[in-house]
């Protein structure tokens, strides 16, 4: 794995693009992460894999006395959704066939 920022001499085997349209607590008490993600080759913009994402957690516990859901529970749910998205992307990277611009690790 190569982490950004990487040395000039290092070349990542593929890149990840994530475009989120919605991410956070909703009026329903659920926390959502919605958008699209794509795996791109090291060079070029034609996706190797592109998928929509629609993940949810909740509903969160009872609302606090101001009508707002517990902020800590909301942040924890958001963190869990990011972890779910990361696992989904990692699985797709591992599933890429050899020679497609990404190394299977």
C-alpha atoms as a PDB file:
ATOM      1  CA  UNK A   1       0.000   0.000   0.000  1.00  0.00           C
ATOM      2  CA  UNK A   2       1.222   3.491  -0.803  1.00  0.00           C
ATOM      3  CA  UNK A   3      -0.110   6.334   1.301  1.00  0.00           C
ATOM      4  CA  UNK A   4      -0.507   9.882   0.079  1.00  0.00           C
ATOM      5  CA  UNK A   5       1.556  11.940  -0.216  1.00  0.00           C
ATOM      6  CA  UNK A   6       3.862   9.411  -1.827  1.00  0.00           C
ATOM      7  CA  UNK A   7       7.420   9.933  -3.009  1.00  0.00           C
ATOM      8  CA  UNK A   8       7.806  10.975  -6.628  1.00  0.00           C
ATOM      9  CA  UNK A   9       9.510   7.658  -7.415  1.00  0.00           C
ATOM     10  CA  UNK A  10       6.582   5.642  -6.030  1.00  0.00           C
ATOM     11  CA  UNK A  11       3.643   5.004  -8.319  1.00  0.00           C
ATOM     12  CA  UNK A  12       0.357   3.807  -6.827  1.00  0.00           C
ATOM     13  CA  UNK A  13      -1.136   0.769  -8.562  1.00  0.00           C
ATOM     14  CA  UNK A  14      -4.578   2.402  -8.666  1.00  0.00           C
ATOM     15  CA  UNK A  15      -6.450   5.403  -7.314  1.00  0.00           C
ATOM     16  CA  UNK A  16      -9.781   5.730  -5.539  1.00  0.00           C
ATOM     17  CA  UNK A  17     -12.323   8.463  -6.254  1.00  0.00           C
ATOM     18  CA  UNK A  18     -15.254   8.952  -3.882  1.00  0.00           C
ATOM     19  CA  UNK A  19     -18.087  11.416  -4.546  1.00  0.00           C
ATOM     20  CA  UNK A  20     -20.543  11.753  -1.664  1.00  0.00           C
ATOM     21  CA  UNK A  21     -23.967  13.318  -2.132  1.00  0.00           C
ATOM     22  CA  UNK A  22     -25.227  12.733   1.422  1.00  0.00           C
ATOM     23  CA  UNK A  23     -23.318  11.900   4.578  1.00  0.00           C
ATOM     24  CA  UNK A  24     -24.611  12.428   8.086  1.00  0.00           C
ATOM     25  CA  UNK A  25     -27.608  12.224  10.390  1.00  0.00           C
ATOM     26  CA  UNK A  26     -31.051  12.581   8.820  1.00  0.00           C
ATOM     27  CA  UNK A  27     -34.354  13.808  10.227  1.00  0.00           C
ATOM     28  CA  UNK A  28     -35.495  10.163  10.406  1.00  0.00           C
ATOM     29  CA  UNK A  29     -32.797   9.431  13.016  1.00  0.00           C
ATOM     30  CA  UNK A  30     -30.789   7.355  10.545  1.00  0.00           C
ATOM     31  CA  UNK A  31     -27.253   8.201   9.491  1.00  0.00           C
ATOM     32  CA  UNK A  32     -26.593   7.792   5.761  1.00  0.00           C
ATOM     33  CA  UNK A  33     -23.651   7.730   3.376  1.00  0.00           C
ATOM     34  CA  UNK A  34     -24.718   7.963  -0.280  1.00  0.00           C
ATOM     35  CA  UNK A  35     -22.819   8.632  -3.474  1.00  0.00           C
ATOM     36  CA  UNK A  36     -20.487   6.850  -5.882  1.00  0.00           C
ATOM     37  CA  UNK A  37     -16.965   5.527  -5.831  1.00  0.00           C
ATOM     38  CA  UNK A  38     -14.571   4.366  -8.527  1.00  0.00           C
ATOM     39  CA  UNK A  39     -11.220   2.651  -8.848  1.00  0.00           C
ATOM     40  CA  UNK A  40      -9.080   4.422 -11.411  1.00  0.00           C
ATOM     41  CA  UNK A  41      -5.852   3.169 -12.991  1.00  0.00           C
ATOM     42  CA  UNK A  42      -2.585   4.807 -11.934  1.00  0.00           C
ATOM     43  CA  UNK A  43      -2.757   6.803 -15.177  1.00  0.00           C
ATOM     44  CA  UNK A  44      -5.962   7.849 -16.876  1.00  0.00           C
ATOM     45  CA  UNK A  45      -9.515   8.509 -15.816  1.00  0.00           C
ATOM     46  CA  UNK A  46     -11.407   5.498 -17.225  1.00  0.00           C
ATOM     47  CA  UNK A  47     -12.661   3.596 -14.158  1.00  0.00           C
ATOM     48  CA  UNK A  48     -11.619   0.002 -13.593  1.00  0.00           C
ATOM     49  CA  UNK A  49     -14.647  -0.336 -11.286  1.00  0.00           C
ATOM     50  CA  UNK A  50     -17.422   2.175 -10.535  1.00  0.00           C
ATOM     51  CA  UNK A  51     -20.252   1.618  -8.095  1.00  0.00           C
ATOM     52  CA  UNK A  52     -22.982   3.520  -6.291  1.00  0.00           C
ATOM     53  CA  UNK A  53     -22.960   3.408  -2.515  1.00  0.00           C
ATOM     54  CA  UNK A  54     -25.953   3.682  -0.199  1.00  0.00           C
ATOM     55  CA  UNK A  55     -25.194   2.780   3.405  1.00  0.00           C
ATOM     56  CA  UNK A  56     -27.281   3.427   6.548  1.00  0.00           C
ATOM     57  CA  UNK A  57     -27.034   3.077  10.296  1.00  0.00           C
ATOM     58  CA  UNK A  58     -29.751   3.587  12.823  1.00  0.00           C
ATOM     59  CA  UNK A  59     -32.120   4.888  13.696  1.00  0.00           C
ATOM     60  CA  UNK A  60     -30.061   6.375  16.488  1.00  0.00           C
ATOM     61  CA  UNK A  61     -31.254   6.231  20.075  1.00  0.00           C
ATOM     62  CA  UNK A  62     -33.880   8.504  21.525  1.00  0.00           C
ATOM     63  CA  UNK A  63     -33.598  12.160  20.722  1.00  0.00           C
ATOM     64  CA  UNK A  64     -32.071  14.466  23.293  1.00  0.00           C
ATOM     65  CA  UNK A  65     -34.222  17.115  24.946  1.00  0.00           C
ATOM     66  CA  UNK A  66     -33.803  19.603  22.081  1.00  0.00           C
ATOM     67  CA  UNK A  67     -35.073  17.177  19.469  1.00  0.00           C
ATOM     68  CA  UNK A  68     -31.568  16.348  18.255  1.00  0.00           C
ATOM     69  CA  UNK A  69     -30.213  12.823  18.224  1.00  0.00           C
ATOM     70  CA  UNK A  70     -27.231  12.082  20.445  1.00  0.00           C
ATOM     71  CA  UNK A  71     -24.182  13.697  18.788  1.00  0.00           C
ATOM     72  CA  UNK A  72     -21.796  10.999  20.004  1.00  0.00           C
ATOM     73  CA  UNK A  73     -23.973   8.231  18.540  1.00  0.00           C
ATOM     74  CA  UNK A  74     -24.153  10.158  15.261  1.00  0.00           C
ATOM     75  CA  UNK A  75     -20.376  10.514  15.024  1.00  0.00           C
ATOM     76  CA  UNK A  76     -19.900   6.825  15.858  1.00  0.00           C
ATOM     77  CA  UNK A  77     -22.410   5.832  13.174  1.00  0.00           C
ATOM     78  CA  UNK A  78     -20.665   8.059  10.623  1.00  0.00           C
ATOM     79  CA  UNK A  79     -17.325   6.446  11.499  1.00  0.00           C
ATOM     80  CA  UNK A  80     -18.846   2.981  11.048  1.00  0.00           C
ATOM     81  CA  UNK A  81     -20.228   3.977   7.628  1.00  0.00           C
ATOM     82  CA  UNK A  82     -16.793   5.184   6.488  1.00  0.00           C
ATOM     83  CA  UNK A  83     -15.321   1.858   7.659  1.00  0.00           C
ATOM     84  CA  UNK A  84     -18.024  -0.032   5.719  1.00  0.00           C
ATOM     85  CA  UNK A  85     -17.207   1.972   2.590  1.00  0.00           C
ATOM     86  CA  UNK A  86     -13.468   1.339   3.033  1.00  0.00           C
ATOM     87  CA  UNK A  87     -14.086  -2.428   3.301  1.00  0.00           C
ATOM     88  CA  UNK A  88     -16.240  -2.364   0.151  1.00  0.00           C
ATOM     89  CA  UNK A  89     -13.517  -0.549  -1.791  1.00  0.00           C
ATOM     90  CA  UNK A  90     -10.756  -2.809  -0.412  1.00  0.00           C
ATOM     91  CA  UNK A  91     -12.734  -5.893  -1.498  1.00  0.00           C
ATOM     92  CA  UNK A  92     -13.055  -4.453  -5.008  1.00  0.00           C
ATOM     93  CA  UNK A  93      -9.304  -3.748  -5.171  1.00  0.00           C
ATOM     94  CA  UNK A  94      -8.517  -7.325  -4.095  1.00  0.00           C
ATOM     95  CA  UNK A  95     -10.928  -8.643  -6.767  1.00  0.00           C
ATOM     96  CA  UNK A  96      -9.231  -6.791  -9.635  1.00  0.00           C
ATOM     97  CA  UNK A  97      -7.652  -9.184 -12.126  1.00  0.00           C
ATOM     98  CA  UNK A  98      -3.877  -9.085 -12.416  1.00  0.00           C
ATOM     99  CA  UNK A  99      -2.651  -6.639 -15.031  1.00  0.00           C
ATOM    100  CA  UNK A 100      -5.547  -4.170 -14.707  1.00  0.00           C
ATOM    101  CA  UNK A 101      -3.449  -1.459 -13.137  1.00  0.00           C
ATOM    102  CA  UNK A 102      -3.668  -2.594  -9.532  1.00  0.00           C
ATOM    103  CA  UNK A 103      -1.759  -5.130  -7.521  1.00  0.00           C
ATOM    104  CA  UNK A 104      -3.682  -7.754  -5.620  1.00  0.00           C
ATOM    105  CA  UNK A 105      -2.374  -7.871  -2.057  1.00  0.00           C
END
